[in-house]
Amino acid sequence: MLASAALPPPELHRHLGDLLVTGEGADVTFQVAGETFRAHRCVVAARSPVFKAELFGAMRLRQSNAAAAIRVHDMEPQVFNALLHFVYTDSLPPEIEEGDEVAMAQHLLEAADRYVMPRLKLACEEKLCGCLSDACTAATTLVLADQHHCHSLKKACIEFLRSPHVLQAAMETDGFELIRSYPALLKELISKAVTTTEFHYSASAIVGGSVTERHLLHIERYSHAKSLPVDEYFESEPLSVGGRTWRILYHPGGTLLSDANIDHVAFVVVLHDSIPEPAHAETRFLLLDRAGNEMPVHTQTGGMREYMEDDDTTCFSVERKFVEAPECLADDCFKIRLDICVSVGFRTENRNMLGSSSSMPPSDLGQHLGDLLLETKDGADVTFQVADETFRAHRCVVAARSPVLKNELFCAMRWGRRSSTAAEVCIRIHDVAPRVFGALLYFLYTDSLPPEMAGRLAVAEEEEVVTVQRLLEAADRFDMPRLKLTCEEKLCRCLDARTVATTIELAGRHRCRGLEKACVDFLRCPHVLNAVMATYGYGPQLIRNYLSL
């Protein structure tokens, strides 16, 4: 069997990157702050709906000269260059590591949001999360994350800034002055700085159709918040218990929900999800000493009750004199514990750790170009005539992926072999079945086989095996080595007595050494060789040509 390690990594990114560098077939110009960038409208449009609207949609139709350069405002040339690099390669350029990488990543994130490129936006978020090294950077990045709805990045910035010494340092920077101009963001930051939540998943249990979880809440900077008016509160991180989401609201100045308020601090437990069904839960509140031990005299319990979203709440309060007692308050911080027991009808939960960031999604370059080939056809400027079927494609993509087709395209342009519509080139492909050429085009755009060919071939599907054999021949003819190896690997996995003879001959003609060796190893089995000889009648020729290898 052909080793999977023999299959090289996808080449689509490299081929399109080379296309951007060489500029061959470029048909659109961007003007950015006095600098000019040449690109290929079909690639750019496939990767960004905003570029697509500018190049092919109503926005472009309103322009008086369709061939005029597109002006990009409010962006630095180096940022646009990095954006184009990602458009063609689905990766950040190496030079983003040079100079002020934070500023570059911040500007590139803004550009990604502007041109609706979510994967680039996530890549910039990921890089900025790794660059939170000082208070000023975290402050400016927090504002950026809030403006562009980057939730993971925003959370990382708040986590970085909530440390007392970091927040103090941030307050002395220009970045924090920027935060002050966004009151809601400033309040959220202070809220998270005042409260920190620790989740102890080891302290959970399922008993009698209920789930019980224990949550430890640290209240930091107590003295800073105690002067807030009644009913002002800070929210904890969401708590996941019994398949429902809960929050703890901390009222440092007390709350009117409780009879005691001014001389008390209060905590309110709220069901905080959008599930219409009520939740049945019991809550238990404990004040802890500095060592984390319970202070039983301050334990309060809410009986089993029905909660609806943001409607029914349970309030706990504790007098300030107990919070401020030396055995509880340390470094302006005290701790409480909340136990929540939720009735779940004898089912278990499948929980993820709260706050874990989603992983980077896989590359969508192939998907975007596949949509360009199969659905939109925007900017198609070449037609392939294969038997009685026609295939429309984009010359820049085709030329970047196959040197043979590239030569065909340039020769066709040089000799004026064009269709009657606009400047579209028409090329006839001989001795290739339409289905095979369609599969080759799909691989050319996506670096993968069509879905109907992507699965493992069954031994009984002789017609499918023949299609893959013909696709291997086409891959060799058009100089597409990765497609050729992909076909080799598939054929290695579906060898049988009916197809091994044609496969080994194919491997010999097209210098597929791995496939040839797999066929020889398959034929060394006596009953297989006998079956092949009985089927084709030329067993001695196979023995003479191959089994001596």
Protein backbone atom coordinates (compact mmCIF):
# COMPACT_ATOMS: atom_id res chain seq x y z
CA MET A 1 0.00 0.00 0.00
CA LEU A 2 1.23 3.49 -0.81
CA ALA A 3 2.32 5.23 2.37
CA SER A 4 0.17 8.22 3.22
CA ALA A 5 3.36 10.14 4.03
CA ALA A 6 4.12 10.13 0.31
CA LEU A 7 1.26 12.56 -0.30
CA PRO A 8 2.67 16.10 -0.15
CA PRO A 9 0.81 18.88 1.67
CA PRO A 10 -1.82 20.88 -0.23
CA GLU A 11 -0.35 23.16 -2.88
CA LEU A 12 -3.26 25.51 -3.52
CA HIS A 13 -1.96 28.11 -1.06
CA ARG A 14 1.54 28.05 -2.52
CA HIS A 15 0.34 28.20 -6.13
CA LEU A 16 -1.96 31.16 -5.48
CA GLY A 17 0.76 32.87 -3.45
CA ASP A 18 3.11 32.55 -6.44
CA LEU A 19 0.34 33.95 -8.63
CA LEU A 20 0.10 37.03 -6.41
CA VAL A 21 3.87 37.54 -6.50
CA THR A 22 4.24 37.15 -10.28
CA GLY A 23 1.06 39.09 -11.10
CA GLU A 24 0.45 36.93 -14.20
CA GLY A 25 -3.05 37.52 -15.54
CA ALA A 26 -3.79 40.25 -12.99
CA ASP A 27 -6.92 42.13 -14.05
CA VAL A 28 -7.69 44.54 -11.21
CA THR A 29 -5.71 47.38 -9.63
CA PHE A 30 -6.07 48.75 -6.11
CA GLN A 31 -4.78 52.20 -5.18
CA VAL A 32 -3.85 52.42 -1.49
CA ALA A 33 -2.33 55.66 -0.15
CA GLY A 34 -0.28 56.29 -3.29
CA GLU A 35 0.76 52.66 -3.84
CA THR A 36 -0.58 50.29 -6.49
CA PHE A 37 -1.46 46.61 -6.00
CA ARG A 38 -2.29 44.28 -8.91
CA ALA A 39 -4.55 41.30 -8.23
CA HIS A 40 -7.00 38.86 -9.81
CA ARG A 41 -10.61 39.84 -9.42
CA CYS A 42 -11.98 36.28 -9.34
CA VAL A 43 -9.72 35.29 -6.41
CA VAL A 44 -10.33 38.48 -4.46
CA ALA A 45 -14.10 38.32 -5.01
CA ALA A 46 -14.23 34.66 -3.95
CA ARG A 47 -12.60 35.48 -0.63
CA SER A 48 -14.50 38.60 0.46
CA PRO A 49 -18.18 39.49 -0.12
CA VAL A 50 -17.25 43.18 0.09
CA PHE A 51 -14.66 42.86 -2.67
CA LYS A 52 -17.18 40.78 -4.63
CA ALA A 53 -19.73 43.60 -4.43
CA GLU A 54 -17.11 46.13 -5.53
CA LEU A 55 -15.90 44.01 -8.44
CA PHE A 56 -19.03 42.28 -9.72
CA GLY A 57 -22.05 43.68 -7.90
CA ALA A 58 -24.14 46.81 -8.01
CA MET A 59 -21.36 48.86 -6.45
CA ARG A 60 -19.16 48.19 -9.47
CA LEU A 61 -21.92 48.77 -12.00
CA ARG A 62 -22.40 52.28 -10.67
CA GLN A 63 -18.81 53.19 -11.51
CA SER A 64 -18.38 54.91 -14.85
CA ASN A 65 -15.25 53.01 -15.84
CA ALA A 66 -15.23 49.31 -14.94
CA ALA A 67 -11.51 49.13 -15.72
CA ALA A 68 -10.58 51.95 -13.33
CA ALA A 69 -8.46 51.26 -10.29
CA ILE A 70 -10.31 50.71 -7.02
CA ARG A 71 -9.29 53.19 -4.36
CA VAL A 72 -8.98 51.88 -0.82
CA HIS A 73 -9.29 54.61 1.79
CA ASP A 74 -8.22 54.73 5.46
CA MET A 75 -5.70 51.94 5.21
CA GLU A 76 -1.92 51.75 5.14
CA PRO A 77 -0.29 50.03 2.13
CA GLN A 78 1.51 47.46 4.29
CA VAL A 79 -1.80 46.47 5.89
CA PHE A 80 -3.50 46.03 2.50
CA ASN A 81 -0.50 44.02 1.31
CA ALA A 82 -0.89 41.69 4.31
CA LEU A 83 -4.63 41.43 3.59
CA LEU A 84 -3.94 40.40 -0.02
CA HIS A 85 -1.38 37.85 1.17
CA PHE A 86 -4.06 36.23 3.34
CA VAL A 87 -6.60 36.36 0.50
CA TYR A 88 -4.28 34.28 -1.70
CA THR A 89 -2.60 32.00 0.87
CA ASP A 90 -4.92 31.81 3.90
CA SER A 91 -1.98 32.67 6.15
CA LEU A 92 -0.47 35.75 7.74
CA PRO A 93 2.63 37.10 5.95
CA PRO A 94 6.03 36.45 7.61
CA GLU A 95 6.74 40.18 7.79
CA ILE A 96 3.93 40.65 10.34
CA GLU A 97 6.47 39.39 12.88
CA GLU A 98 8.79 42.27 12.05
CA GLY A 99 8.56 45.75 13.54
CA ASP A 100 5.46 46.56 15.56
CA GLU A 101 3.55 43.32 15.12
CA VAL A 102 0.85 44.39 17.58
CA ALA A 103 -0.03 47.51 15.59
CA MET A 104 0.00 45.52 12.33
CA ALA A 105 -2.25 42.81 13.78
CA GLN A 106 -4.64 45.44 15.17
CA HIS A 107 -4.93 47.24 11.81
CA LEU A 108 -5.26 43.94 9.97
CA LEU A 109 -8.08 42.88 12.30
CA GLU A 110 -9.92 46.10 11.45
CA ALA A 111 -9.41 45.39 7.74
CA ALA A 112 -10.65 41.81 8.17
CA ASP A 113 -13.83 43.06 9.80
CA ARG A 114 -14.27 45.72 7.13
CA TYR A 115 -13.99 43.17 4.29
CA VAL A 116 -15.92 40.40 6.12
CA MET A 117 -13.10 37.88 6.33
CA PRO A 118 -13.88 35.99 9.57
CA ARG A 119 -10.94 33.58 9.42
CA LEU A 120 -8.42 36.42 9.06
CA LYS A 121 -10.17 38.19 11.91
CA LEU A 122 -9.75 35.10 14.10
CA ALA A 123 -6.10 34.78 13.09
CA CYS A 124 -5.49 38.36 14.19
CA GLU A 125 -7.38 37.75 17.44
CA GLU A 126 -5.19 34.74 18.14
CA LYS A 127 -2.00 36.70 17.47
CA LEU A 128 -3.11 39.62 19.64
CA CYS A 129 -4.03 37.27 22.48
CA GLY A 130 -0.40 36.13 22.44
CA CYS A 131 0.91 39.71 22.46
CA LEU A 132 -0.72 40.91 25.68
CA SER A 133 2.54 41.75 27.41
CA ASP A 134 1.90 45.20 28.88
CA ALA A 135 -0.95 47.29 30.24
CA CYS A 136 -1.06 49.82 27.40
CA THR A 137 -1.26 47.14 24.70
CA ALA A 138 -4.01 45.33 26.60
CA ALA A 139 -5.99 48.56 27.02
CA THR A 140 -5.90 49.56 23.34
CA THR A 141 -6.57 45.97 22.27
CA LEU A 142 -9.57 45.80 24.60
CA VAL A 143 -11.18 48.80 22.91
CA LEU A 144 -10.48 47.29 19.48
CA ALA A 145 -11.97 43.94 20.53
CA ASP A 146 -15.10 45.63 21.86
CA GLN A 147 -15.58 47.72 18.70
CA HIS A 148 -15.23 44.72 16.38
CA HIS A 149 -17.10 42.16 18.51
CA CYS A 150 -14.07 39.93 19.14
CA HIS A 151 -15.39 38.11 22.19
CA SER A 152 -12.42 35.81 22.86
CA LEU A 153 -9.92 38.65 22.49
CA LYS A 154 -12.02 40.92 24.71
CA LYS A 155 -12.14 38.26 27.40
CA ALA A 156 -8.36 37.75 27.20
CA CYS A 157 -7.76 41.49 27.59
CA ILE A 158 -10.05 41.74 30.62
CA GLU A 159 -8.38 38.72 32.21
CA PHE A 160 -5.00 40.39 31.68
CA LEU A 161 -6.15 43.75 33.06
CA ARG A 162 -8.07 42.48 36.08
CA SER A 163 -4.86 41.87 38.04
CA PRO A 164 -4.53 44.76 40.58
CA HIS A 165 -1.01 45.85 39.62
CA VAL A 166 -1.71 45.58 35.87
CA LEU A 167 -4.93 47.58 36.13
CA GLN A 168 -3.15 50.23 38.16
CA ALA A 169 -0.45 50.48 35.49
CA ALA A 170 -3.06 50.62 32.74
CA MET A 171 -4.79 53.58 34.37
CA GLU A 172 -1.67 55.65 33.79
CA THR A 173 -1.53 55.01 30.03
CA ASP A 174 -3.14 56.68 27.05
CA GLY A 175 -4.83 53.38 26.29
CA PHE A 176 -6.89 53.61 29.47
CA GLU A 177 -7.97 57.13 28.54
CA LEU A 178 -9.36 55.54 25.40
CA ILE A 179 -11.31 53.04 27.51
CA ARG A 180 -12.79 55.92 29.55
CA SER A 181 -14.51 57.19 26.40
CA TYR A 182 -16.56 53.97 26.34
CA PRO A 183 -18.54 54.01 29.63
CA ALA A 184 -20.17 50.59 29.15
CA LEU A 185 -16.80 48.98 28.46
CA LEU A 186 -15.23 50.70 31.47
CA LYS A 187 -18.02 49.44 33.72
CA GLU A 188 -17.61 45.91 32.41
CA LEU A 189 -13.86 46.02 33.01
CA ILE A 190 -14.30 47.28 36.57
CA SER A 191 -17.00 44.66 37.16
CA LYS A 192 -14.66 41.84 36.14
CA ALA A 193 -11.81 43.38 38.12
CA VAL A 194 -13.95 43.45 41.28
CA THR A 195 -15.19 39.87 40.96
CA THR A 196 -13.31 36.74 40.03
CA THR A 197 -14.87 33.33 39.83
CA GLU A 198 -13.22 29.98 40.38
CA PHE A 199 -15.06 26.87 39.18
CA HIS A 200 -14.48 23.64 41.06
CA TYR A 201 -15.77 20.92 38.73
CA SER A 202 -14.38 18.24 41.04
CA ALA A 203 -16.98 19.27 43.60
CA SER A 204 -19.97 18.23 41.52
CA ALA A 205 -22.31 15.30 42.04
CA ILE A 206 -25.43 13.69 40.56
CA VAL A 207 -27.76 12.47 43.30
CA GLY A 208 -31.37 11.37 42.91
CA GLY A 209 -31.93 13.06 39.56
CA SER A 210 -30.16 16.30 40.47
CA VAL A 211 -26.83 17.95 39.72
CA THR A 212 -25.04 19.83 42.49
CA GLU A 213 -22.11 22.14 41.81
CA ARG A 214 -20.02 24.29 44.10
CA HIS A 215 -18.70 27.67 42.96
CA LEU A 216 -16.19 29.87 44.70
CA LEU A 217 -16.48 33.62 44.12
CA HIS A 218 -13.65 36.02 45.02
CA ILE A 219 -14.67 39.63 45.65
CA GLU A 220 -11.62 41.81 45.07
CA ARG A 221 -11.17 45.56 45.71
CA TYR A 222 -14.00 45.46 48.21
CA SER A 223 -13.30 48.97 49.53
CA HIS A 224 -13.41 50.48 46.00
CA ALA A 225 -16.92 49.20 45.33
CA LYS A 226 -18.60 49.51 48.75
CA SER A 227 -19.67 53.10 48.12
CA LEU A 228 -21.81 52.23 45.10
CA PRO A 229 -25.51 53.03 45.49
CA VAL A 230 -28.17 50.45 46.31
CA ASP A 231 -29.00 48.06 43.44
CA GLU A 232 -25.81 48.79 41.47
CA TYR A 233 -24.24 45.42 40.77
CA PHE A 234 -21.51 43.47 39.02
CA GLU A 235 -22.08 40.17 37.21
CA SER A 236 -20.03 37.01 37.62
CA GLU A 237 -18.98 34.84 34.71
CA PRO A 238 -21.80 32.47 33.62
CA LEU A 239 -22.11 29.23 35.60
CA SER A 240 -23.22 26.05 33.83
CA VAL A 241 -25.19 23.74 36.13
CA GLY A 242 -27.73 21.11 35.13
CA GLY A 243 -27.64 22.14 31.50
CA ARG A 244 -28.74 25.67 32.44
CA THR A 245 -26.81 28.94 32.70
CA TRP A 246 -26.74 30.97 35.92
CA ARG A 247 -25.15 34.23 37.06
CA ILE A 248 -24.36 35.71 40.44
CA LEU A 249 -25.03 39.45 40.79
CA TYR A 250 -22.89 41.18 43.44
CA HIS A 251 -24.51 44.29 45.00
CA PRO A 252 -21.76 45.99 47.06
CA GLY A 253 -24.22 48.65 48.28
CA GLY A 254 -27.05 46.23 49.05
CA THR A 255 -30.27 45.68 47.14
CA LEU A 256 -33.92 46.56 47.60
CA LEU A 257 -34.73 42.90 46.94
CA SER A 258 -33.68 42.32 50.54
CA ASP A 259 -35.06 43.93 53.69
CA ALA A 260 -31.51 44.66 54.82
CA ASN A 261 -29.50 46.78 52.40
CA ILE A 262 -27.39 49.78 53.47
CA ASP A 263 -25.28 47.92 56.01
CA HIS A 264 -25.18 44.75 53.95
CA VAL A 265 -23.63 43.40 50.80
CA ALA A 266 -25.95 41.26 48.71
CA PHE A 267 -25.73 38.44 46.18
CA VAL A 268 -28.54 37.55 43.79
CA VAL A 269 -28.73 34.23 41.91
CA VAL A 270 -30.35 34.56 38.46
CA LEU A 271 -31.23 32.00 35.79
CA HIS A 272 -29.63 33.47 32.69
CA ASP A 273 -30.43 31.47 29.56
CA SER A 274 -33.06 31.52 26.81
CA ILE A 275 -34.53 28.05 27.40
CA PRO A 276 -38.31 28.53 27.88
CA GLU A 277 -38.72 25.64 30.35
CA PRO A 278 -38.42 26.53 34.05
CA ALA A 279 -35.49 25.27 36.10
CA HIS A 280 -36.02 23.70 39.51
CA ALA A 281 -33.09 24.45 41.78
CA GLU A 282 -32.02 24.84 45.38
CA THR A 283 -29.26 27.30 46.37
CA ARG A 284 -26.98 27.54 49.40
CA PHE A 285 -24.83 30.57 50.26
CA LEU A 286 -21.78 30.52 52.56
CA LEU A 287 -19.37 33.20 53.72
CA LEU A 288 -15.83 31.83 53.94
CA ASP A 289 -12.92 32.80 56.14
CA ARG A 290 -9.43 33.65 54.85
CA ALA A 291 -8.46 29.97 54.79
CA GLY A 292 -11.55 29.07 52.76
CA ASN A 293 -13.42 27.41 55.62
CA GLU A 294 -17.15 27.83 56.11
CA MET A 295 -18.48 30.26 58.67
CA PRO A 296 -21.69 28.33 59.53
CA VAL A 297 -23.38 31.23 61.27
CA HIS A 298 -23.60 33.04 57.95
CA THR A 299 -24.85 30.09 55.89
CA GLN A 300 -28.16 30.77 54.10
CA THR A 301 -30.27 28.32 52.12
CA GLY A 302 -32.95 28.93 49.52
CA GLY A 303 -35.41 26.05 49.25
CA MET A 304 -36.14 24.12 46.06
CA ARG A 305 -38.00 26.52 43.77
CA GLU A 306 -38.85 27.21 40.15
CA TYR A 307 -36.73 29.70 38.21
CA MET A 308 -37.62 31.38 34.91
CA GLU A 309 -35.17 33.36 32.76
CA ASP A 310 -34.13 36.66 34.44
CA ASP A 311 -37.42 36.59 36.36
CA ASP A 312 -37.27 34.58 39.58
CA THR A 313 -34.24 35.24 41.75
CA THR A 314 -32.88 34.29 45.14
CA CYS A 315 -31.17 36.97 47.22
CA PHE A 316 -28.61 36.47 49.97
CA SER A 317 -27.16 39.25 52.13
CA VAL A 318 -24.48 39.52 54.79
CA GLU A 319 -23.70 42.36 57.18
CA ARG A 320 -20.62 44.40 56.38
CA LYS A 321 -19.19 43.92 59.86
CA PHE A 322 -18.83 40.20 59.19
CA VAL A 323 -17.34 40.75 55.72
CA GLU A 324 -14.86 43.27 57.12
CA ALA A 325 -13.87 41.06 60.04
CA PRO A 326 -10.13 40.20 60.04
CA GLU A 327 -10.83 36.48 59.68
CA CYS A 328 -12.70 37.14 56.38
CA LEU A 329 -11.18 40.19 54.69
CA ALA A 330 -7.60 39.89 53.45
CA ASP A 331 -5.85 42.21 50.95
CA ASP A 332 -9.20 43.94 50.36
CA CYS A 333 -10.68 40.63 49.22
CA PHE A 334 -13.23 38.21 50.67
CA LYS A 335 -14.72 34.94 49.44
CA ILE A 336 -18.16 33.42 49.27
CA ARG A 337 -19.30 29.99 48.11
CA LEU A 338 -22.50 29.19 46.29
CA ASP A 339 -23.86 25.65 45.93
CA ILE A 340 -26.51 25.14 43.24
CA CYS A 341 -28.54 21.91 43.12
CA VAL A 342 -30.57 21.59 39.90
CA SER A 343 -33.18 18.90 39.27
CA VAL A 344 -32.32 17.21 35.97
CA GLY A 345 -34.59 14.19 35.79
CA PHE A 346 -31.81 11.61 36.16
CA ARG A 347 -29.62 12.78 33.31
CA THR A 348 -25.95 13.70 33.16
CA GLU A 349 -24.34 16.76 31.65
CA ASN A 350 -21.82 17.15 28.87
CA ARG A 351 -19.95 20.29 29.94
CA ASN A 352 -17.02 22.13 28.45
CA MET A 353 -14.69 24.16 30.62
CA LEU A 354 -16.00 27.70 30.68
CA GLY A 355 -13.95 30.25 28.84
CA SER A 356 -12.11 27.84 26.56
CA SER A 357 -11.57 29.55 23.23
CA SER A 358 -12.67 27.82 20.07
CA SER A 359 -9.90 26.50 17.91
CA MET A 360 -8.99 28.12 14.64
CA PRO A 361 -11.30 26.83 11.92
CA PRO A 362 -9.72 24.95 9.00
CA SER A 363 -8.64 26.82 5.90
CA ASP A 364 -11.56 27.96 3.76
CA LEU A 365 -9.54 28.92 0.68
CA GLY A 366 -10.48 25.73 -1.16
CA GLN A 367 -14.13 26.12 -0.18
CA HIS A 368 -14.22 29.69 -1.49
CA LEU A 369 -12.63 28.77 -4.81
CA GLY A 370 -14.86 25.70 -5.06
CA ASP A 371 -17.92 27.93 -4.71
CA LEU A 372 -16.45 30.17 -7.41
CA LEU A 373 -16.16 27.17 -9.76
CA LEU A 374 -19.44 25.41 -9.00
CA GLU A 375 -21.87 28.19 -8.14
CA THR A 376 -21.15 31.83 -8.89
CA LYS A 377 -18.84 31.59 -11.96
CA ASP A 378 -18.06 35.28 -11.31
CA GLY A 379 -15.29 36.48 -13.60
CA ALA A 380 -15.03 33.21 -15.59
CA ASP A 381 -12.94 34.01 -18.69
CA VAL A 382 -12.08 30.64 -20.23
CA THR A 383 -14.22 27.82 -21.61
CA PHE A 384 -13.06 24.23 -21.96
CA GLN A 385 -14.86 22.13 -24.55
CA VAL A 386 -14.67 18.47 -23.49
CA ALA A 387 -16.53 16.13 -25.86
CA ASP A 388 -20.05 17.62 -25.93
CA GLU A 389 -19.78 19.40 -22.55
CA THR A 390 -18.43 22.84 -21.68
CA PHE A 391 -16.71 23.94 -18.48
CA ARG A 392 -16.25 27.62 -17.59
CA ALA A 393 -13.28 28.54 -15.43
CA HIS A 394 -10.85 31.32 -14.51
CA ARG A 395 -7.62 31.45 -16.46
CA CYS A 396 -5.51 32.84 -13.60
CA VAL A 397 -6.47 29.97 -11.26
CA VAL A 398 -6.06 27.31 -13.94
CA ALA A 399 -2.69 28.68 -15.06
CA ALA A 400 -1.42 28.84 -11.48
CA ARG A 401 -2.23 25.18 -10.88
CA SER A 402 -1.15 23.43 -14.07
CA PRO A 403 1.86 24.45 -16.20
CA VAL A 404 0.44 22.52 -19.16
CA LEU A 405 -2.91 24.30 -19.04
CA LYS A 406 -1.04 27.56 -18.49
CA ASN A 407 0.81 27.01 -21.76
CA GLU A 408 -2.46 26.10 -23.48
CA LEU A 409 -4.05 29.32 -22.26
CA PHE A 410 -1.19 31.54 -23.34
CA CYS A 411 -1.01 29.86 -26.75
CA ALA A 412 -4.76 30.28 -27.18
CA MET A 413 -4.48 33.96 -26.32
CA ARG A 414 -1.45 34.38 -28.56
CA TRP A 415 -3.17 32.81 -31.57
CA GLY A 416 -6.50 34.49 -30.95
CA ARG A 417 -8.53 31.36 -30.19
CA ARG A 418 -11.36 33.21 -28.45
CA SER A 419 -15.08 32.71 -28.24
CA SER A 420 -17.48 35.25 -29.61
CA THR A 421 -18.27 36.61 -26.12
CA ALA A 422 -15.94 39.33 -24.81
CA ALA A 423 -12.36 38.20 -24.37
CA GLU A 424 -13.16 34.64 -23.28
CA VAL A 425 -10.75 31.95 -24.48
CA CYS A 426 -12.12 28.60 -25.67
CA ILE A 427 -9.89 25.52 -25.47
CA ARG A 428 -10.78 22.05 -26.71
CA ILE A 429 -9.66 19.10 -24.58
CA HIS A 430 -9.34 15.81 -26.43
CA ASP A 431 -9.20 12.23 -25.13
CA VAL A 432 -10.56 13.06 -21.69
CA ALA A 433 -14.07 12.14 -20.50
CA PRO A 434 -16.18 15.10 -19.25
CA ARG A 435 -16.60 13.51 -15.82
CA VAL A 436 -12.85 13.10 -15.48
CA PHE A 437 -12.13 16.68 -16.55
CA GLY A 438 -14.79 17.95 -14.15
CA ALA A 439 -13.05 16.10 -11.29
CA LEU A 440 -9.69 17.52 -12.40
CA LEU A 441 -11.09 21.07 -12.37
CA TYR A 442 -12.58 20.51 -8.92
CA PHE A 443 -9.19 19.39 -7.59
CA LEU A 444 -7.53 22.29 -9.33
CA TYR A 445 -9.74 24.76 -7.41
CA THR A 446 -10.00 22.97 -4.04
CA ASP A 447 -6.97 20.66 -3.66
CA SER A 448 -9.39 17.81 -2.98
CA LEU A 449 -11.39 15.24 -4.92
CA PRO A 450 -15.10 15.82 -5.57
CA PRO A 451 -17.35 14.57 -2.74
CA GLU A 452 -18.56 11.60 -4.80
CA MET A 453 -14.96 10.44 -5.23
CA ALA A 454 -13.59 11.44 -1.83
CA GLY A 455 -14.67 8.33 0.08
CA ARG A 456 -12.98 4.98 0.02
CA LEU A 457 -13.64 3.04 -3.17
CA ALA A 458 -15.39 -0.28 -2.73
CA VAL A 459 -13.80 -3.23 -4.47
CA ALA A 460 -17.05 -3.89 -6.33
CA GLU A 461 -17.15 -0.39 -7.86
CA GLU A 462 -15.17 -1.23 -10.96
CA GLU A 463 -16.57 1.74 -12.90
CA GLU A 464 -15.39 4.12 -10.15
CA VAL A 465 -11.95 2.52 -10.20
CA VAL A 466 -11.74 3.13 -13.95
CA THR A 467 -12.69 6.80 -13.40
CA VAL A 468 -9.84 7.21 -10.91
CA GLN A 469 -7.46 5.51 -13.33
CA ARG A 470 -8.45 7.97 -16.05
CA LEU A 471 -8.08 10.85 -13.59
CA LEU A 472 -4.53 9.70 -12.81
CA GLU A 473 -3.75 9.77 -16.54
CA ALA A 474 -5.16 13.30 -16.80
CA ALA A 475 -3.15 14.42 -13.75
CA ASP A 476 0.04 13.19 -15.39
CA ARG A 477 -0.90 14.78 -18.71
CA PHE A 478 -1.54 18.19 -17.15
CA ASP A 479 1.41 17.99 -14.75
CA MET A 480 -0.50 17.94 -11.47
CA PRO A 481 1.68 15.71 -9.25
CA ARG A 482 -0.39 15.99 -6.08
CA LEU A 483 -3.56 14.89 -7.88
CA LYS A 484 -1.58 12.04 -9.40
CA LEU A 485 -0.41 10.86 -5.97
CA THR A 486 -3.94 11.20 -4.60
CA CYS A 487 -5.21 8.88 -7.33
CA GLU A 488 -2.35 6.46 -6.69
CA GLU A 489 -3.28 6.24 -3.03
CA LYS A 490 -6.94 5.58 -3.81
CA LEU A 491 -6.10 2.87 -6.33
CA CYS A 492 -3.76 1.17 -3.84
CA ARG A 493 -6.71 0.76 -1.48
CA CYS A 494 -9.08 -0.95 -3.92
CA LEU A 495 -6.95 -3.54 -5.71
CA ASP A 496 -8.73 -6.76 -6.71
CA ALA A 497 -8.28 -9.50 -9.30
CA ARG A 498 -10.38 -7.66 -11.90
CA THR A 499 -8.52 -4.33 -11.73
CA VAL A 500 -4.94 -5.16 -10.72
CA ALA A 501 -3.81 -5.96 -14.28
CA THR A 502 -5.01 -2.65 -15.74
CA THR A 503 -3.75 -0.78 -12.67
CA ILE A 504 -0.21 -2.20 -12.86
CA GLU A 505 -0.01 -1.40 -16.56
CA LEU A 506 -1.23 2.15 -15.80
CA ALA A 507 1.39 2.47 -13.04
CA GLY A 508 4.15 1.39 -15.42
CA ARG A 509 3.13 3.83 -18.16
CA HIS A 510 2.92 6.82 -15.82
CA ARG A 511 5.90 6.00 -13.59
CA CYS A 512 3.83 5.49 -10.42
CA ARG A 513 6.39 3.49 -8.44
CA GLY A 514 4.40 3.27 -5.23
CA LEU A 515 1.30 2.05 -7.04
CA GLU A 516 3.35 -0.41 -9.08
CA LYS A 517 4.91 -1.91 -5.94
CA ALA A 518 1.44 -2.22 -4.30
CA CYS A 519 0.20 -4.17 -7.34
CA VAL A 520 3.25 -6.47 -7.31
CA ASP A 521 2.79 -7.21 -3.61
CA PHE A 522 -0.88 -7.93 -4.28
CA LEU A 523 -0.02 -10.34 -7.12
CA ARG A 524 2.46 -12.32 -5.02
CA CYS A 525 -0.46 -14.05 -3.33
CA PRO A 526 -0.92 -17.35 -5.28
CA HIS A 527 -4.73 -17.39 -5.35
CA VAL A 528 -4.78 -13.76 -6.56
CA LEU A 529 -2.34 -14.52 -9.37
CA ASN A 530 -4.37 -17.55 -10.44
CA ALA A 531 -7.53 -15.48 -10.50
CA VAL A 532 -5.83 -12.81 -12.62
CA MET A 533 -4.50 -15.43 -15.08
CA ALA A 534 -7.94 -16.99 -15.38
CA THR A 535 -9.56 -13.61 -15.95
CA TYR A 536 -7.20 -12.06 -18.45
CA GLY A 537 -5.27 -14.97 -19.88
CA TYR A 538 -1.92 -13.24 -19.77
CA GLY A 539 -0.59 -14.30 -16.38
CA PRO A 540 2.83 -15.34 -17.80
CA GLN A 541 3.33 -11.81 -19.16
CA LEU A 542 2.56 -10.33 -15.74
CA ILE A 543 5.01 -12.74 -14.09
CA ARG A 544 7.73 -11.94 -16.60
CA ASN A 545 7.29 -8.18 -16.46
CA TYR A 546 6.59 -7.58 -12.79
CA LEU A 547 7.03 -10.47 -10.39
CA SER A 548 10.75 -10.46 -11.02
CA LEU A 549 10.96 -6.94 -9.56
